[in-house]
């Protein structure tokens, strides 16, 4: 029997949301061999859906994605005029 683990996170960074999505989604596109199914969608918010057969893999992938989002947000904030 195989268990699947999943998580869904929604992020709203107001006017910075689209720029953050563009930077994070680019990273996701370059790693299609990732064992964790990761989907990032943008409407007016960023929606991250992850699924894996292994909980540690899911957790690691989600932590990395959230760190990238935080880094993107911090970068945008640091150049505020």
PDB file of N, CA and C in Angstrom:
ATOM      1  N   UNK A   1       0.836  -1.177   0.000  1.00  0.00           N
ATOM      2  CA  UNK A   1       0.000   0.000   0.000  1.00  0.00           C
ATOM      3  C   UNK A   1       0.892   1.255   0.000  1.00  0.00           C
ATOM      4  N   UNK A   2       0.574   2.189  -0.876  1.00  0.00           N
ATOM      5  CA  UNK A   2       1.326   3.422  -0.975  1.00  0.00           C
ATOM      6  C   UNK A   2       0.458   4.588  -0.515  1.00  0.00           C
ATOM      7  N   UNK A   3       0.999   5.362   0.404  1.00  0.00           N
ATOM      8  CA  UNK A   3       0.297   6.554   0.862  1.00  0.00           C
ATOM      9  C   UNK A   3       0.758   7.754   0.058  1.00  0.00           C
ATOM     10  N   UNK A   4      -0.157   8.619  -0.259  1.00  0.00           N
ATOM     11  CA  UNK A   4       0.201   9.878  -0.904  1.00  0.00           C
ATOM     12  C   UNK A   4      -0.039  11.008   0.077  1.00  0.00           C
ATOM     13  N   UNK A   5       0.912  11.896   0.147  1.00  0.00           N
ATOM     14  CA  UNK A   5       0.799  13.072   1.001  1.00  0.00           C
ATOM     15  C   UNK A   5       0.655  14.284   0.096  1.00  0.00           C
ATOM     16  N   UNK A   6      -0.128  15.246   0.534  1.00  0.00           N
ATOM     17  CA  UNK A   6      -0.297  16.449  -0.283  1.00  0.00           C
ATOM     18  C   UNK A   6      -0.476  17.674   0.597  1.00  0.00           C
ATOM     19  N   UNK A   7      -0.199  18.816   0.003  1.00  0.00           N
ATOM     20  CA  UNK A   7      -0.378  20.103   0.687  1.00  0.00           C
ATOM     21  C   UNK A   7      -0.741  21.142  -0.356  1.00  0.00           C
ATOM     22  N   UNK A   8      -1.517  22.120   0.072  1.00  0.00           N
ATOM     23  CA  UNK A   8      -1.898  23.222  -0.808  1.00  0.00           C
ATOM     24  C   UNK A   8      -1.756  24.516  -0.008  1.00  0.00           C
ATOM     25  N   UNK A   9      -1.007  25.463  -0.574  1.00  0.00           N
ATOM     26  CA  UNK A   9      -0.758  26.734   0.109  1.00  0.00           C
ATOM     27  C   UNK A   9      -1.122  27.868  -0.844  1.00  0.00           C
ATOM     28  N   UNK A  10      -1.797  28.864  -0.320  1.00  0.00           N
ATOM     29  CA  UNK A  10      -2.159  30.054  -1.086  1.00  0.00           C
ATOM     30  C   UNK A  10      -1.411  31.255  -0.517  1.00  0.00           C
ATOM     31  N   UNK A  11      -0.820  32.037  -1.419  1.00  0.00           N
ATOM     32  CA  UNK A  11      -0.022  33.186  -1.003  1.00  0.00           C
ATOM     33  C   UNK A  11      -0.542  34.439  -1.708  1.00  0.00           C
ATOM     34  N   UNK A  12      -0.740  35.480  -0.926  1.00  0.00           N
ATOM     35  CA  UNK A  12      -1.165  36.766  -1.470  1.00  0.00           C
ATOM     36  C   UNK A  12      -0.174  37.829  -1.004  1.00  0.00           C
ATOM     37  N   UNK A  13       0.611  38.330  -1.937  1.00  0.00           N
ATOM     38  CA  UNK A  13       1.597  39.367  -1.621  1.00  0.00           C
ATOM     39  C   UNK A  13       1.193  40.698  -2.238  1.00  0.00           C
ATOM     40  N   UNK A  14      -0.105  40.883  -2.403  1.00  0.00           N
ATOM     41  CA  UNK A  14      -0.672  42.120  -2.971  1.00  0.00           C
ATOM     42  C   UNK A  14      -0.072  42.403  -4.349  1.00  0.00           C
ATOM     43  N   UNK A  15       0.463  43.594  -4.574  1.00  0.00           N
ATOM     44  CA  UNK A  15       0.952  43.969  -5.898  1.00  0.00           C
ATOM     45  C   UNK A  15       2.244  43.239  -6.292  1.00  0.00           C
ATOM     46  N   UNK A  16       2.866  42.561  -5.367  1.00  0.00           N
ATOM     47  CA  UNK A  16       4.121  41.838  -5.660  1.00  0.00           C
ATOM     48  C   UNK A  16       3.879  40.384  -6.080  1.00  0.00           C
ATOM     49  N   UNK A  17       2.650  39.927  -5.997  1.00  0.00           N
ATOM     50  CA  UNK A  17       2.335  38.511  -6.211  1.00  0.00           C
ATOM     51  C   UNK A  17       2.766  38.017  -7.589  1.00  0.00           C
ATOM     52  N   UNK A  18       2.474  38.746  -8.646  1.00  0.00           N
ATOM     53  CA  UNK A  18       2.809  38.300 -10.007  1.00  0.00           C
ATOM     54  C   UNK A  18       4.319  38.207 -10.204  1.00  0.00           C
ATOM     55  N   UNK A  19       5.069  39.187  -9.713  1.00  0.00           N
ATOM     56  CA  UNK A  19       6.535  39.154  -9.849  1.00  0.00           C
ATOM     57  C   UNK A  19       7.119  37.968  -9.090  1.00  0.00           C
ATOM     58  N   UNK A  20       6.597  37.693  -7.922  1.00  0.00           N
ATOM     59  CA  UNK A  20       7.067  36.548  -7.136  1.00  0.00           C
ATOM     60  C   UNK A  20       6.745  35.254  -7.864  1.00  0.00           C
ATOM     61  N   UNK A  21       5.539  35.149  -8.381  1.00  0.00           N
ATOM     62  CA  UNK A  21       5.146  33.951  -9.133  1.00  0.00           C
ATOM     63  C   UNK A  21       6.090  33.711 -10.304  1.00  0.00           C
ATOM     64  N   UNK A  22       6.382  34.749 -11.069  1.00  0.00           N
ATOM     65  CA  UNK A  22       7.262  34.605 -12.232  1.00  0.00           C
ATOM     66  C   UNK A  22       8.643  34.083 -11.841  1.00  0.00           C
ATOM     67  N   UNK A  23       9.186  34.575 -10.753  1.00  0.00           N
ATOM     68  CA  UNK A  23      10.524  34.129 -10.354  1.00  0.00           C
ATOM     69  C   UNK A  23      10.514  32.703  -9.807  1.00  0.00           C
ATOM     70  N   UNK A  24       9.515  32.340  -9.042  1.00  0.00           N
ATOM     71  CA  UNK A  24       9.460  30.999  -8.441  1.00  0.00           C
ATOM     72  C   UNK A  24       9.053  29.952  -9.469  1.00  0.00           C
ATOM     73  N   UNK A  25       8.139  30.269 -10.337  1.00  0.00           N
ATOM     74  CA  UNK A  25       7.674  29.301 -11.331  1.00  0.00           C
ATOM     75  C   UNK A  25       8.773  28.955 -12.321  1.00  0.00           C
ATOM     76  N   UNK A  26       9.649  29.893 -12.621  1.00  0.00           N
ATOM     77  CA  UNK A  26      10.781  29.615 -13.505  1.00  0.00           C
ATOM     78  C   UNK A  26      11.646  28.509 -12.926  1.00  0.00           C
ATOM     79  N   UNK A  27      11.918  28.566 -11.626  1.00  0.00           N
ATOM     80  CA  UNK A  27      12.717  27.530 -10.967  1.00  0.00           C
ATOM     81  C   UNK A  27      12.023  26.177 -11.057  1.00  0.00           C
ATOM     82  N   UNK A  28      10.729  26.146 -10.881  1.00  0.00           N
ATOM     83  CA  UNK A  28       9.971  24.896 -10.941  1.00  0.00           C
ATOM     84  C   UNK A  28      10.020  24.290 -12.339  1.00  0.00           C
ATOM     85  N   UNK A  29      10.014  25.119 -13.380  1.00  0.00           N
ATOM     86  CA  UNK A  29      10.055  24.625 -14.754  1.00  0.00           C
ATOM     87  C   UNK A  29      11.371  23.925 -15.091  1.00  0.00           C
ATOM     88  N   UNK A  30      12.456  24.302 -14.415  1.00  0.00           N
ATOM     89  CA  UNK A  30      13.752  23.712 -14.732  1.00  0.00           C
ATOM     90  C   UNK A  30      14.018  22.376 -14.059  1.00  0.00           C
ATOM     91  N   UNK A  31      13.118  21.892 -13.209  1.00  0.00           N
ATOM     92  CA  UNK A  31      13.328  20.630 -12.516  1.00  0.00           C
ATOM     93  C   UNK A  31      12.143  19.686 -12.697  1.00  0.00           C
ATOM     94  N   UNK A  32      11.860  19.273 -13.946  1.00  0.00           N
ATOM     95  CA  UNK A  32      10.713  18.387 -14.175  1.00  0.00           C
ATOM     96  C   UNK A  32      10.919  16.982 -13.598  1.00  0.00           C
ATOM     97  N   UNK A  33      12.163  16.595 -13.313  1.00  0.00           N
ATOM     98  CA  UNK A  33      12.440  15.262 -12.772  1.00  0.00           C
ATOM     99  C   UNK A  33      12.234  15.185 -11.259  1.00  0.00           C
ATOM    100  N   UNK A  34      11.804  16.258 -10.657  1.00  0.00           N
ATOM    101  CA  UNK A  34      11.557  16.317  -9.215  1.00  0.00           C
ATOM    102  C   UNK A  34      10.583  15.199  -8.808  1.00  0.00           C
ATOM    103  N   UNK A  35      10.914  14.377  -7.791  1.00  0.00           N
ATOM    104  CA  UNK A  35      10.027  13.295  -7.379  1.00  0.00           C
ATOM    105  C   UNK A  35       8.742  13.776  -6.701  1.00  0.00           C
ATOM    106  N   UNK A  36       8.695  15.048  -6.355  1.00  0.00           N
ATOM    107  CA  UNK A  36       7.500  15.632  -5.753  1.00  0.00           C
ATOM    108  C   UNK A  36       6.739  16.367  -6.854  1.00  0.00           C
ATOM    109  N   UNK A  37       5.478  16.001  -7.027  1.00  0.00           N
ATOM    110  CA  UNK A  37       4.656  16.698  -8.022  1.00  0.00           C
ATOM    111  C   UNK A  37       4.336  18.079  -7.474  1.00  0.00           C
ATOM    112  N   UNK A  38       4.873  19.088  -8.123  1.00  0.00           N
ATOM    113  CA  UNK A  38       4.684  20.460  -7.674  1.00  0.00           C
ATOM    114  C   UNK A  38       4.020  21.264  -8.777  1.00  0.00           C
ATOM    115  N   UNK A  39       2.902  21.871  -8.441  1.00  0.00           N
ATOM    116  CA  UNK A  39       2.200  22.726  -9.400  1.00  0.00           C
ATOM    117  C   UNK A  39       2.034  24.095  -8.764  1.00  0.00           C
ATOM    118  N   UNK A  40       2.410  25.114  -9.524  1.00  0.00           N
ATOM    119  CA  UNK A  40       2.269  26.488  -9.053  1.00  0.00           C
ATOM    120  C   UNK A  40       1.399  27.226 -10.050  1.00  0.00           C
ATOM    121  N   UNK A  41       0.293  27.758  -9.556  1.00  0.00           N
ATOM    122  CA  UNK A  41      -0.661  28.474 -10.413  1.00  0.00           C
ATOM    123  C   UNK A  41      -0.792  29.915  -9.923  1.00  0.00           C
ATOM    124  N   UNK A  42      -1.161  30.774 -10.852  1.00  0.00           N
ATOM    125  CA  UNK A  42      -1.394  32.171 -10.505  1.00  0.00           C
ATOM    126  C   UNK A  42      -2.747  32.606 -11.041  1.00  0.00           C
ATOM    127  N   UNK A  43      -3.568  33.127 -10.165  1.00  0.00           N
ATOM    128  CA  UNK A  43      -4.784  33.828 -10.577  1.00  0.00           C
ATOM    129  C   UNK A  43      -4.585  35.245 -10.066  1.00  0.00           C
ATOM    130  N   UNK A  44      -5.137  35.572  -8.936  1.00  0.00           N
ATOM    131  CA  UNK A  44      -4.787  36.826  -8.277  1.00  0.00           C
ATOM    132  C   UNK A  44      -3.926  36.538  -7.055  1.00  0.00           C
ATOM    133  N   UNK A  45      -3.722  35.249  -6.792  1.00  0.00           N
ATOM    134  CA  UNK A  45      -2.857  34.769  -5.712  1.00  0.00           C
ATOM    135  C   UNK A  45      -2.007  33.623  -6.248  1.00  0.00           C
ATOM    136  N   UNK A  46      -0.957  33.289  -5.540  1.00  0.00           N
ATOM    137  CA  UNK A  46      -0.136  32.130  -5.889  1.00  0.00           C
ATOM    138  C   UNK A  46      -0.711  30.933  -5.159  1.00  0.00           C
ATOM    139  N   UNK A  47      -0.949  29.853  -5.895  1.00  0.00           N
ATOM    140  CA  UNK A  47      -1.435  28.618  -5.289  1.00  0.00           C
ATOM    141  C   UNK A  47      -0.403  27.530  -5.574  1.00  0.00           C
ATOM    142  N   UNK A  48       0.138  26.966  -4.511  1.00  0.00           N
ATOM    143  CA  UNK A  48       1.138  25.903  -4.626  1.00  0.00           C
ATOM    144  C   UNK A  48       0.494  24.602  -4.176  1.00  0.00           C
ATOM    145  N   UNK A  49       0.536  23.598  -5.039  1.00  0.00           N
ATOM    146  CA  UNK A  49       0.026  22.266  -4.701  1.00  0.00           C
ATOM    147  C   UNK A  49       1.175  21.281  -4.839  1.00  0.00           C
ATOM    148  N   UNK A  50       1.407  20.510  -3.801  1.00  0.00           N
ATOM    149  CA  UNK A  50       2.478  19.507  -3.841  1.00  0.00           C
ATOM    150  C   UNK A  50       1.925  18.158  -3.426  1.00  0.00           C
ATOM    151  N   UNK A  51       2.480  17.107  -4.040  1.00  0.00           N
ATOM    152  CA  UNK A  51       2.059  15.747  -3.731  1.00  0.00           C
ATOM    153  C   UNK A  51       3.257  14.820  -3.843  1.00  0.00           C
ATOM    154  N   UNK A  52       3.364  13.886  -2.913  1.00  0.00           N
ATOM    155  CA  UNK A  52       4.483  12.948  -2.921  1.00  0.00           C
ATOM    156  C   UNK A  52       4.099  11.682  -2.178  1.00  0.00           C
ATOM    157  N   UNK A  53       4.802  10.619  -2.494  1.00  0.00           N
ATOM    158  CA  UNK A  53       4.621   9.365  -1.763  1.00  0.00           C
ATOM    159  C   UNK A  53       5.440   9.366  -0.474  1.00  0.00           C
ATOM    160  N   UNK A  54       6.348  10.308  -0.342  1.00  0.00           N
ATOM    161  CA  UNK A  54       7.235  10.363   0.818  1.00  0.00           C
ATOM    162  C   UNK A  54       7.095  11.704   1.520  1.00  0.00           C
ATOM    163  N   UNK A  55       6.695  11.672   2.765  1.00  0.00           N
ATOM    164  CA  UNK A  55       6.478  12.901   3.523  1.00  0.00           C
ATOM    165  C   UNK A  55       7.742  13.764   3.648  1.00  0.00           C
ATOM    166  N   UNK A  56       8.925  13.188   3.908  1.00  0.00           N
ATOM    167  CA  UNK A  56      10.129  14.036   3.985  1.00  0.00           C
ATOM    168  C   UNK A  56      10.423  14.775   2.671  1.00  0.00           C
ATOM    169  N   UNK A  57      10.166  14.132   1.529  1.00  0.00           N
ATOM    170  CA  UNK A  57      10.372  14.788   0.237  1.00  0.00           C
ATOM    171  C   UNK A  57       9.397  15.951   0.064  1.00  0.00           C
ATOM    172  N   UNK A  58       8.154  15.737   0.446  1.00  0.00           N
ATOM    173  CA  UNK A  58       7.149  16.785   0.355  1.00  0.00           C
ATOM    174  C   UNK A  58       7.547  17.977   1.219  1.00  0.00           C
ATOM    175  N   UNK A  59       7.939  17.698   2.440  1.00  0.00           N
ATOM    176  CA  UNK A  59       8.335  18.757   3.367  1.00  0.00           C
ATOM    177  C   UNK A  59       9.532  19.541   2.839  1.00  0.00           C
ATOM    178  N   UNK A  60      10.536  18.845   2.335  1.00  0.00           N
ATOM    179  CA  UNK A  60      11.734  19.511   1.817  1.00  0.00           C
ATOM    180  C   UNK A  60      11.400  20.378   0.606  1.00  0.00           C
ATOM    181  N   UNK A  61      10.578  19.862  -0.286  1.00  0.00           N
ATOM    182  CA  UNK A  61      10.190  20.618  -1.471  1.00  0.00           C
ATOM    183  C   UNK A  61       9.397  21.859  -1.096  1.00  0.00           C
ATOM    184  N   UNK A  62       8.479  21.703  -0.177  1.00  0.00           N
ATOM    185  CA  UNK A  62       7.656  22.832   0.260  1.00  0.00           C
ATOM    186  C   UNK A  62       8.501  23.885   0.968  1.00  0.00           C
ATOM    187  N   UNK A  63       9.417  23.455   1.813  1.00  0.00           N
ATOM    188  CA  UNK A  63      10.317  24.403   2.489  1.00  0.00           C
ATOM    189  C   UNK A  63      11.153  25.186   1.474  1.00  0.00           C
ATOM    190  N   UNK A  64      11.678  24.503   0.474  1.00  0.00           N
ATOM    191  CA  UNK A  64      12.491  25.176  -0.547  1.00  0.00           C
ATOM    192  C   UNK A  64      11.662  26.189  -1.321  1.00  0.00           C
ATOM    193  N   UNK A  65      10.458  25.800  -1.695  1.00  0.00           N
ATOM    194  CA  UNK A  65       9.586  26.698  -2.446  1.00  0.00           C
ATOM    195  C   UNK A  65       9.226  27.925  -1.624  1.00  0.00           C
ATOM    196  N   UNK A  66       8.903  27.724  -0.354  1.00  0.00           N
ATOM    197  CA  UNK A  66       8.546  28.851   0.505  1.00  0.00           C
ATOM    198  C   UNK A  66       9.739  29.769   0.751  1.00  0.00           C
ATOM    199  N   UNK A  67      10.936  29.201   0.844  1.00  0.00           N
ATOM    200  CA  UNK A  67      12.136  30.035   0.993  1.00  0.00           C
ATOM    201  C   UNK A  67      12.388  30.872  -0.253  1.00  0.00           C
ATOM    202  N   UNK A  68      12.154  30.282  -1.428  1.00  0.00           N
ATOM    203  CA  UNK A  68      12.303  31.036  -2.672  1.00  0.00           C
ATOM    204  C   UNK A  68      11.308  32.191  -2.736  1.00  0.00           C
ATOM    205  N   UNK A  69      10.097  31.929  -2.305  1.00  0.00           N
ATOM    206  CA  UNK A  69       9.079  32.983  -2.283  1.00  0.00           C
ATOM    207  C   UNK A  69       9.489  34.091  -1.324  1.00  0.00           C
ATOM    208  N   UNK A  70       9.977  33.725  -0.161  1.00  0.00           N
ATOM    209  CA  UNK A  70      10.414  34.727   0.809  1.00  0.00           C
ATOM    210  C   UNK A  70      11.588  35.536   0.266  1.00  0.00           C
ATOM    211  N   UNK A  71      12.527  34.866  -0.392  1.00  0.00           N
ATOM    212  CA  UNK A  71      13.679  35.564  -0.971  1.00  0.00           C
ATOM    213  C   UNK A  71      13.235  36.522  -2.077  1.00  0.00           C
ATOM    214  N   UNK A  72      12.291  36.105  -2.892  1.00  0.00           N
ATOM    215  CA  UNK A  72      11.769  36.975  -3.946  1.00  0.00           C
ATOM    216  C   UNK A  72      11.101  38.203  -3.353  1.00  0.00           C
ATOM    217  N   UNK A  73      10.278  37.987  -2.351  1.00  0.00           N
ATOM    218  CA  UNK A  73       9.594  39.092  -1.688  1.00  0.00           C
ATOM    219  C   UNK A  73      10.599  40.070  -1.075  1.00  0.00           C
ATOM    220  N   UNK A  74      11.586  39.527  -0.369  1.00  0.00           N
ATOM    221  CA  UNK A  74      12.610  40.368   0.265  1.00  0.00           C
ATOM    222  C   UNK A  74      13.408  41.171  -0.776  1.00  0.00           C
ATOM    223  N   UNK A  75      13.702  40.553  -1.917  1.00  0.00           N
ATOM    224  CA  UNK A  75      14.428  41.251  -2.978  1.00  0.00           C
ATOM    225  C   UNK A  75      13.626  42.421  -3.517  1.00  0.00           C
ATOM    226  N   UNK A  76      12.355  42.190  -3.746  1.00  0.00           N
ATOM    227  CA  UNK A  76      11.481  43.259  -4.241  1.00  0.00           C
ATOM    228  C   UNK A  76      11.396  44.386  -3.207  1.00  0.00           C
ATOM    229  N   UNK A  77      11.260  44.030  -1.952  1.00  0.00           N
ATOM    230  CA  UNK A  77      11.176  45.037  -0.900  1.00  0.00           C
ATOM    231  C   UNK A  77      12.464  45.842  -0.756  1.00  0.00           C
ATOM    232  N   UNK A  78      13.596  45.218  -1.022  1.00  0.00           N
ATOM    233  CA  UNK A  78      14.879  45.900  -0.809  1.00  0.00           C
ATOM    234  C   UNK A  78      15.151  46.993  -1.835  1.00  0.00           C
ATOM    235  N   UNK A  79      14.472  46.968  -2.969  1.00  0.00           N
ATOM    236  CA  UNK A  79      14.686  47.982  -3.996  1.00  0.00           C
ATOM    237  C   UNK A  79      13.551  49.003  -4.047  1.00  0.00           C
ATOM    238  N   UNK A  80      12.754  49.014  -3.025  1.00  0.00           N
ATOM    239  CA  UNK A  80      11.648  49.983  -2.956  1.00  0.00           C
ATOM    240  C   UNK A  80      12.191  51.399  -2.947  1.00  0.00           C
ATOM    241  N   UNK A  81      11.563  52.253  -3.734  1.00  0.00           N
ATOM    242  CA  UNK A  81      11.997  53.657  -3.795  1.00  0.00           C
ATOM    243  C   UNK A  81      11.005  54.509  -3.044  1.00  0.00           C
TER     244      UNK A  81
END
